Protein backbone atom coordinates (compact mmCIF):
# COMPACT_ATOMS: atom_id res chain seq x y z
CA MET A 1 -0.16 -0.22 0.08
CA LYS A 2 2.91 2.33 0.48
CA ARG A 3 5.03 3.26 3.48
CA TRP A 4 8.75 3.95 3.74
CA THR A 5 9.02 7.72 1.97
CA TRP A 6 9.20 10.01 5.32
CA LEU A 7 11.42 7.35 6.80
CA ALA A 8 13.91 7.90 3.77
CA GLY A 9 14.19 11.69 4.26
CA ALA A 10 14.45 10.92 8.30
CA LEU A 11 17.36 8.59 7.38
CA VAL A 12 19.25 11.12 5.71
CA ALA A 13 19.17 13.60 8.14
CA THR A 14 20.38 11.20 11.19
CA LEU A 15 23.21 10.48 9.12
CA VAL A 16 24.31 14.23 8.20
CA ALA A 17 23.66 14.81 11.96
CA GLY A 18 26.00 12.11 13.16
CA CYS A 19 25.70 10.48 16.48
CA GLY A 20 26.16 12.80 19.46
CA SER A 21 27.56 11.59 22.38
CA ALA A 22 25.56 10.68 26.05
CA GLY A 23 25.82 13.64 27.93
CA THR A 24 27.10 13.31 31.35
CA PRO A 25 24.30 12.50 33.98
CA VAL A 26 23.74 15.30 36.55
CA ASP A 27 24.61 14.38 40.04
CA PRO A 28 20.98 13.68 41.76
CA ALA A 29 22.67 15.07 45.10
CA PRO A 30 21.66 18.59 46.10
CA VAL A 31 24.47 21.10 46.72
CA GLY A 32 24.28 23.15 50.11
CA SER A 33 21.19 23.78 51.38
CA VAL A 34 19.60 26.20 49.67
CA GLN A 35 16.28 24.79 48.05
CA ARG A 36 16.32 25.10 43.96
CA PRO A 37 13.59 26.67 42.20
CA MET A 38 10.92 24.38 41.24
CA PRO A 39 9.75 24.40 37.40
CA GLY A 40 7.06 26.97 36.60
CA GLY A 41 3.47 25.44 37.04
CA THR A 42 4.72 23.00 39.74
CA ASP A 43 2.20 22.18 42.24
CA VAL A 44 3.76 20.76 45.68
CA SER A 45 0.41 20.79 47.63
CA GLY A 46 0.17 16.98 48.10
CA LYS A 47 -3.25 17.27 46.91
CA ILE A 48 -4.20 14.83 43.75
CA GLU A 49 -7.59 15.27 42.13
CA GLN A 50 -9.30 11.77 41.58
CA GLY A 51 -10.63 11.11 38.26
CA GLY A 52 -14.16 10.81 37.45
CA SER A 53 -16.82 7.46 37.48
CA ASP A 54 -16.01 5.03 34.62
CA ALA A 55 -19.24 4.82 32.15
CA PRO A 56 -21.41 1.76 32.69
CA ASN A 57 -20.20 -1.34 30.18
CA CYS A 58 -17.13 0.16 29.23
CA ASN A 59 -13.86 -1.51 27.57
CA PRO A 60 -11.66 1.35 26.72
CA GLN A 61 -10.07 -1.40 24.40
CA GLN A 62 -12.48 -1.34 21.86
CA SER A 63 -12.83 1.07 18.84
CA LEU A 64 -14.83 1.52 15.94
CA ARG A 65 -13.75 -0.86 12.80
CA PRO A 66 -11.15 0.40 10.43
CA ASP A 67 -12.63 2.31 7.08
CA ASP A 68 -9.89 3.99 4.67
CA SER A 69 -12.28 5.37 2.64
CA MET A 70 -12.50 9.38 1.96
CA PRO A 71 -15.75 10.17 1.22
CA PRO A 72 -16.81 14.01 0.13
CA GLY A 73 -17.68 16.20 2.81
CA SER A 74 -15.89 13.70 5.06
CA THR A 75 -13.69 15.17 8.10
CA MET A 76 -10.77 13.54 6.10
CA ASP A 77 -11.59 15.26 2.67
CA ASN A 78 -11.97 18.64 5.03
CA ILE A 79 -8.32 18.30 6.07
CA LYS A 80 -7.28 17.44 2.88
CA LYS A 81 -8.94 20.48 1.41
CA ARG A 82 -7.50 22.80 3.84
CA GLY A 83 -3.66 21.13 3.06
CA TYR A 84 -2.53 19.92 6.05
CA LEU A 85 -3.30 17.78 9.49
CA ILE A 86 -3.28 19.41 12.81
CA ALA A 87 -2.01 17.17 15.33
CA GLY A 88 -1.50 17.82 19.03
CA VAL A 89 1.97 16.35 20.16
CA ASP A 90 4.49 16.26 22.79
CA GLN A 91 7.93 17.94 22.15
CA ALA A 92 9.49 17.11 25.40
CA THR A 93 9.44 13.55 25.93
CA ASN A 94 12.60 11.40 24.53
CA LEU A 95 11.75 8.45 22.01
CA TRP A 96 7.89 9.40 21.51
CA GLY A 97 7.62 12.87 21.23
CA PHE A 98 10.85 15.52 20.97
CA ARG A 99 13.01 17.80 19.44
CA ASN A 100 15.83 16.26 17.75
CA PRO A 101 18.92 18.92 18.94
CA HIS A 102 20.84 18.25 15.81
CA THR A 103 17.70 19.41 13.47
CA GLY A 104 14.96 20.78 15.45
CA GLU A 105 12.64 18.65 14.01
CA LEU A 106 9.78 16.67 15.99
CA GLU A 107 10.87 12.93 16.35
CA GLY A 108 9.74 9.70 18.39
CA PHE A 109 7.47 7.10 17.81
CA ASP A 110 4.25 9.15 18.52
CA ILE A 111 5.31 11.71 15.65
CA ASP A 112 5.72 8.50 13.30
CA VAL A 113 2.52 7.71 14.01
CA VAL A 114 1.55 11.22 12.69
CA LYS A 115 3.56 11.00 9.91
CA GLU A 116 1.42 7.58 8.91
CA ILE A 117 -2.14 9.40 9.45
CA ALA A 118 -0.71 12.28 7.31
CA HIS A 119 0.30 9.82 4.58
CA ASP A 120 -2.75 8.28 4.30
CA ILE A 121 -5.01 11.45 3.94
CA PHE A 122 -2.71 13.32 1.59
CA GLY A 123 -1.27 10.24 -0.40
CA SER A 124 2.04 10.48 0.38
CA TYR A 125 4.26 12.03 2.54
CA ASP A 126 4.95 15.86 2.87
CA PRO A 127 6.17 17.27 5.90
CA ASN A 128 4.06 20.36 4.66
CA THR A 129 0.85 18.55 5.25
CA ILE A 130 1.24 18.37 9.33
CA ARG A 131 1.02 21.01 11.45
CA PHE A 132 2.37 20.13 14.91
CA LYS A 133 0.65 21.81 17.76
CA ALA A 134 2.79 21.03 20.91
CA ILE A 135 0.81 20.63 24.29
CA ASN A 136 0.63 19.75 27.88
CA SER A 137 -0.66 16.50 29.04
CA SER A 138 -3.74 18.54 30.67
CA GLU A 139 -4.65 20.13 27.41
CA ARG A 140 -5.36 16.77 25.48
CA GLU A 141 -8.79 16.84 25.65
CA THR A 142 -9.41 20.81 25.94
CA VAL A 143 -7.53 21.23 22.12
CA LEU A 144 -9.74 17.65 21.01
CA ALA A 145 -13.01 19.65 22.43
CA SER A 146 -12.37 23.35 20.86
CA GLY A 147 -11.53 21.71 17.67
CA ASP A 148 -7.89 23.07 17.67
CA VAL A 149 -6.29 19.69 16.31
CA ASP A 150 -7.49 16.95 14.56
CA VAL A 151 -6.11 14.35 16.29
CA VAL A 152 -3.95 14.10 19.68
CA VAL A 153 -1.31 11.57 19.65
CA ARG A 154 0.77 12.16 23.18
CA THR A 155 1.37 8.95 24.80
CA TYR A 156 -2.72 9.13 25.42
CA SER A 157 -3.75 6.59 27.67
CA VAL A 158 -7.22 5.44 26.50
CA THR A 159 -9.62 5.20 29.97
CA CYS A 160 -13.63 5.16 30.24
CA GLU A 161 -13.65 8.34 31.65
CA ARG A 162 -11.81 10.25 28.84
CA LEU A 163 -14.14 8.12 26.64
CA GLN A 164 -17.08 10.33 27.76
CA LYS A 165 -15.03 13.19 26.51
CA VAL A 166 -13.03 12.62 23.48
CA ALA A 167 -12.85 9.50 21.03
CA PHE A 168 -10.00 7.29 20.58
CA SER A 169 -8.90 4.92 18.01
CA SER A 170 -7.78 1.49 18.28
CA VAL A 171 -5.08 0.82 21.05
CA TYR A 172 -1.41 1.18 19.17
CA PHE A 173 1.06 0.76 22.26
CA GLU A 174 0.34 -0.95 25.27
CA ALA A 175 2.50 0.31 28.29
CA ALA A 176 2.71 -0.01 32.27
CA GLN A 177 2.73 2.38 34.86
CA ARG A 178 6.27 2.11 37.42
CA VAL A 179 8.90 4.02 39.17
CA LEU A 180 12.36 5.94 37.94
CA VAL A 181 14.88 6.51 41.01
CA THR A 182 18.44 7.37 40.78
CA GLU A 183 21.27 4.62 40.55
CA LYS A 184 22.23 5.05 43.89
CA SER A 185 18.82 5.75 45.99
CA GLY A 186 18.56 1.92 47.08
CA ILE A 187 14.90 2.04 46.30
CA GLU A 188 13.32 -0.94 44.67
CA ASN A 189 9.77 -0.37 44.26
CA ILE A 190 6.56 2.28 45.09
CA ALA A 191 5.94 1.21 48.88
CA GLN A 192 9.51 2.56 49.53
CA LEU A 193 8.32 6.01 48.58
CA GLY A 194 5.75 6.27 51.04
CA GLY A 195 5.96 9.67 52.74
CA LYS A 196 8.19 10.87 50.08
CA LYS A 197 8.15 13.26 46.98
CA VAL A 198 7.30 12.00 43.90
CA CYS A 199 6.64 13.22 40.47
CA ALA A 200 4.10 12.83 37.98
CA ALA A 201 2.36 15.10 35.00
CA GLY A 202 -0.76 16.91 35.59
CA SER A 203 -3.95 15.01 33.77
CA SER A 204 -2.15 12.39 33.61
CA THR A 205 -3.42 8.35 34.65
CA SER A 206 0.06 8.45 36.42
CA VAL A 207 -1.41 11.30 38.94
CA ASN A 208 -4.36 9.10 40.32
CA ARG A 209 -2.50 6.02 40.65
CA LEU A 210 -0.20 7.74 42.98
CA ALA A 211 -3.15 8.51 45.18
CA GLU A 212 -4.04 4.61 45.30
CA ALA A 213 -0.10 3.47 46.60
CA LYS A 214 0.24 2.20 50.15
CA PRO A 215 1.72 4.08 51.60
CA LYS A 216 0.80 7.00 50.01
CA PRO A 217 3.84 9.19 48.65
CA GLU A 218 3.76 12.64 48.66
CA PRO A 219 2.91 14.12 44.69
CA VAL A 220 4.88 16.89 42.76
CA VAL A 221 2.65 17.79 39.87
CA THR A 222 4.41 19.37 36.95
CA ASN A 223 3.19 20.37 33.29
CA ASN A 224 5.51 17.62 31.60
CA TRP A 225 7.29 14.85 32.11
CA THR A 226 10.81 16.62 31.42
CA ASP A 227 10.34 18.93 34.39
CA CYS A 228 10.00 15.50 36.44
CA LEU A 229 13.18 14.37 35.38
CA VAL A 230 15.37 17.65 36.13
CA LEU A 231 13.60 17.09 39.88
CA LEU A 232 14.74 13.86 40.32
CA GLN A 233 18.32 14.89 39.37
CA GLN A 234 18.37 17.76 41.42
CA GLY A 235 17.53 15.68 44.54
CA GLN A 236 13.83 17.70 45.35
CA VAL A 237 12.15 14.41 44.56
CA ALA A 238 12.75 10.78 45.38
CA GLY A 239 10.98 9.22 42.69
CA VAL A 240 9.27 9.58 39.12
CA SER A 241 5.91 8.03 38.29
CA THR A 242 4.65 7.09 34.99
CA ASP A 243 4.67 4.99 31.92
CA ASP A 244 7.41 2.68 31.74
CA THR A 245 7.60 4.43 28.21
CA ILE A 246 8.00 7.55 29.09
CA LEU A 247 10.49 6.34 31.74
CA ALA A 248 12.27 4.56 29.24
CA GLY A 249 13.46 7.75 27.59
CA MET A 250 14.68 9.54 30.76
CA THR A 251 17.00 6.49 31.42
CA GLU A 252 18.49 7.27 27.75
CA GLU A 253 18.75 10.68 28.66
CA ASP A 254 20.38 9.94 32.21
CA PRO A 255 21.84 6.87 32.74
CA ALA A 256 22.06 7.34 36.34
CA THR A 257 18.62 6.65 36.47
CA ARG A 258 16.86 3.36 36.39
CA VAL A 259 13.23 1.75 36.47
CA VAL A 260 11.93 -0.32 38.99
CA GLY A 261 9.53 -2.07 40.85
CA PRO A 262 6.33 -4.30 39.17
CA GLN A 263 3.46 -2.53 36.91
CA LEU A 264 1.37 -0.31 38.78
CA SER A 265 -1.37 -0.24 35.94
CA GLU A 266 -1.97 -0.99 32.08
CA GLU A 267 -1.84 1.96 29.83
CA LEU A 268 -3.51 1.59 26.62
CA TYR A 269 -2.12 4.17 24.19
CA GLY A 270 -4.68 5.71 21.59
CA VAL A 271 -4.96 8.51 18.81
CA GLY A 272 -7.63 10.93 20.36
CA VAL A 273 -9.76 12.67 17.91
CA PRO A 274 -12.78 14.87 18.93
CA LYS A 275 -16.15 13.68 19.82
CA GLY A 276 -18.69 12.80 17.20
CA ASN A 277 -15.75 12.45 14.44
CA GLU A 278 -16.45 8.67 14.11
CA ASP A 279 -15.18 8.75 10.06
CA MET A 280 -11.88 10.03 11.56
CA VAL A 281 -11.70 7.08 13.92
CA ARG A 282 -12.28 4.67 11.59
CA PHE A 283 -10.01 6.04 9.08
CA VAL A 284 -6.92 6.22 11.69
CA ASN A 285 -7.85 2.45 12.72
CA ALA A 286 -6.87 1.88 9.12
CA THR A 287 -4.08 3.81 9.12
CA LEU A 288 -2.87 1.70 12.05
CA GLU A 289 -3.82 -1.51 10.91
CA ASP A 290 -1.15 -1.27 8.19
CA PHE A 291 1.14 0.78 10.98
CA ARG A 292 1.23 -2.39 13.22
CA LYS A 293 1.61 -4.75 10.09
CA ASN A 294 4.15 -2.72 8.50
CA MET A 295 6.45 -0.70 10.64
CA TRP A 296 5.52 -1.07 14.43
CA ARG A 297 8.29 -3.41 14.88
CA ASP A 298 10.95 -1.35 13.22
CA ARG A 299 9.83 2.03 14.76
CA PHE A 300 10.12 0.17 18.28
CA ARG A 301 13.26 -1.28 17.61
CA HIS A 302 14.63 2.18 15.95
CA TRP A 303 13.95 4.05 19.10
CA GLY A 304 15.44 1.76 21.21
CA LEU A 305 12.41 0.69 23.44
CA GLN A 306 13.62 -2.77 24.04
CA ARG A 307 16.33 -1.63 26.28
CA VAL A 308 13.74 -1.33 28.66
CA LEU A 309 10.81 -2.80 27.93
CA GLY A 310 11.97 -5.51 26.36
CA ASP A 311 10.60 -7.55 22.94
CA LEU A 312 7.37 -6.47 22.69
CA THR A 313 4.77 -7.04 19.83
CA PRO A 314 2.17 -4.82 18.60
CA PRO A 315 -1.17 -5.33 20.53
CA GLN A 316 -3.89 -6.69 18.97
CA PRO A 317 -7.03 -4.24 18.06
CA GLN A 318 -9.85 -4.89 19.43
CA TYR A 319 -13.47 -3.43 17.52
CA ARG A 320 -17.07 -3.51 18.25
């Protein structure tokens, strides 16, 4: 059906940029007694807003059956006439949605998914057919509800609560929440973080999971996961808790950190779509069918996710 047109350009850019050497890990121990300032937007109150109740008879793994047609007047047809797809993404999560320091271009597993959706709408890959909108975790539902974006592809976990506000594609990646600590901390699981400061990004499923931990840690909520890593490196928090996929990127950035403990939850990544755009959900699901078969394993290995997550396989989609 296609495929590797945009990958060829990415490979050339990588070869030109060369391979950068890993930076020296930051010493996690704070220097002196002066408290370092927290990143802007950080909440250290320790309060967590619990999520709402799930909808009855909800199965977050199920989505609409795929359909790659683009009839006149459809959401995809309107996007094609406009000339570009608008995608809400991350720009600060290593391996998933981040800016290449050599080229300034957005890269990562989630960015690859966006490129495939655009490819299928426009018939070939052209970077001018995508407009990326960098958003925080807390903005995902907002930009979909307002129509500011056509899709959100940002390590976006499908939950029954979120399905009441937005629509989702089928699951394209299965993650699990775990904990990141420094190598020298001696911490091996979430239980050892009871009463200690643990960082998570706002409006993420990880935040609510911290409220359920026993003994309960003291949450520190930031706008993005990069801030959490900085706080861990500075010794202002004892750990970071989020999806192992995101933590994998942090260990790549700082080898003096490690992922520990059992899985705290299962996280199912889907593409977020504005509520009511069922044709777009079906179209994206058709794209993901092809992505799983022809590109998923290559992209998984390309981003080095197997180094932390092991040898995973694409999730099998479920439809209703």
